[in-house]
Protein backbone atom coordinates (compact mmCIF):
# COMPACT_ATOMS: atom_id res chain seq x y z
CA MET A 1 -12.70 11.73 -18.04
CA THR A 2 -15.22 10.49 -15.52
CA TRP A 3 -12.61 8.37 -13.73
CA GLN A 4 -10.24 11.31 -13.60
CA ARG A 5 -12.89 13.56 -12.06
CA MET A 6 -13.82 10.95 -9.48
CA ALA A 7 -10.19 10.40 -8.47
CA LEU A 8 -9.53 14.14 -8.33
CA GLY A 9 -12.66 14.65 -6.24
CA PHE A 10 -11.63 12.10 -3.62
CA VAL A 11 -8.06 13.39 -3.48
CA SER A 12 -9.34 16.97 -3.13
CA LEU A 13 -11.68 15.93 -0.34
CA GLY A 14 -8.76 14.19 1.35
CA ALA A 15 -6.73 17.40 1.07
CA VAL A 16 -9.53 19.43 2.64
CA THR A 17 -9.83 16.88 5.45
CA LEU A 18 -6.08 17.00 6.02
CA GLY A 19 -6.21 20.80 6.10
CA ALA A 20 -9.02 20.66 8.64
CA ALA A 21 -6.96 18.26 10.74
CA ALA A 22 -4.08 20.70 10.77
CA ARG A 23 -6.33 23.68 11.48
CA ARG A 24 -8.23 22.04 14.33
CA ASP A 25 -5.15 20.26 15.71
CA THR A 26 -6.89 16.87 15.59
CA PRO A 27 -4.42 14.18 14.50
CA TRP A 28 -7.11 11.49 14.30
CA MET A 29 -8.48 13.20 11.17
CA VAL A 30 -5.35 12.10 9.32
CA PHE A 31 -6.83 8.59 9.03
CA PRO A 32 -9.98 9.63 7.09
CA ALA A 33 -7.79 11.87 4.93
CA ALA A 34 -5.48 8.94 4.19
CA ALA A 35 -8.49 6.78 3.34
CA LEU A 36 -9.74 9.41 0.89
CA PHE A 37 -6.28 9.71 -0.67
CA GLY A 38 -6.13 5.93 -0.96
CA LEU A 39 -9.56 5.75 -2.56
CA GLY A 40 -8.58 8.43 -5.06
CA ALA A 41 -5.38 6.53 -5.84
CA ALA A 42 -7.28 3.26 -6.28
CA ILE A 43 -9.69 4.91 -8.71
CA ALA A 44 -6.78 6.46 -10.63
CA LEU A 45 -5.01 3.09 -10.84
CA TYR A 46 -8.19 1.44 -12.04
CA TRP A 47 -8.57 4.13 -14.67
CA ARG A 48 -4.96 3.70 -15.79
CA GLY A 49 -5.51 -0.04 -16.09
CA ARG A 50 -8.45 0.52 -18.38
CA THR A 51 -6.65 2.97 -20.64
CA GLU A 52 -3.48 0.82 -20.90
CA GLY A 53 -0.71 3.37 -20.91
CA GLY A 54 -0.86 6.39 -23.14
CA GLU A 55 1.41 9.28 -23.90
CA HIS A 56 1.00 10.80 -20.46
CA ALA A 57 2.03 7.77 -18.42
CA ALA A 58 5.37 9.21 -17.26
CA ALA A 59 3.79 12.55 -16.34
CA LEU A 60 1.05 10.81 -14.38
CA ARG A 61 3.62 8.71 -12.55
CA TRP A 62 5.59 11.80 -11.44
CA LEU A 63 2.38 13.61 -10.49
CA ALA A 64 1.35 10.65 -8.32
CA VAL A 65 4.79 10.54 -6.65
CA ALA A 66 4.66 14.27 -5.94
CA THR A 67 1.12 14.04 -4.55
CA VAL A 68 2.03 11.18 -2.22
CA ALA A 69 5.14 13.03 -1.03
CA VAL A 70 3.21 16.22 -0.25
CA ALA A 71 0.38 14.31 1.45
CA THR A 72 2.87 12.37 3.58
CA MET A 73 4.68 15.55 4.57
CA ALA A 74 1.38 17.24 5.47
CA ALA A 75 0.26 14.23 7.54
CA VAL A 76 3.56 14.16 9.43
CA LEU A 77 3.38 17.89 10.12
CA THR A 78 -0.20 17.50 11.34
CA VAL A 79 0.67 14.69 13.76
CA VAL A 80 3.99 16.11 14.97
CA HIS A 81 2.78 19.71 15.27
CA PRO A 82 4.31 21.08 18.49
CA GLY A 83 1.06 22.65 19.56
C-alpha cells in the first residue's frame, strides 16, 4: 500500500502542476508535470515488479493506459492553447 500511495501522490501532484500550467498559460510547466508523472509511473512499475502480477494486473494496465492518454491530451492542450 505504501508504494501505491507514493505513486498516486506523485501522479496527483503532476496533475495539479499540469492544471496550473493550463490555468496560468505557461507551457514550460508541462515539463515538471511530465517529470512527476514519470516518477509516479516508475514507482508504480517498481511496485508491480515486487508484487509479481496479481489478480488486478489487467485492470492496472488499462488504468495506466488511460492515465497516460489523458495526461498526454492535457499536455497537448496546454501547449497548443490558442491563447
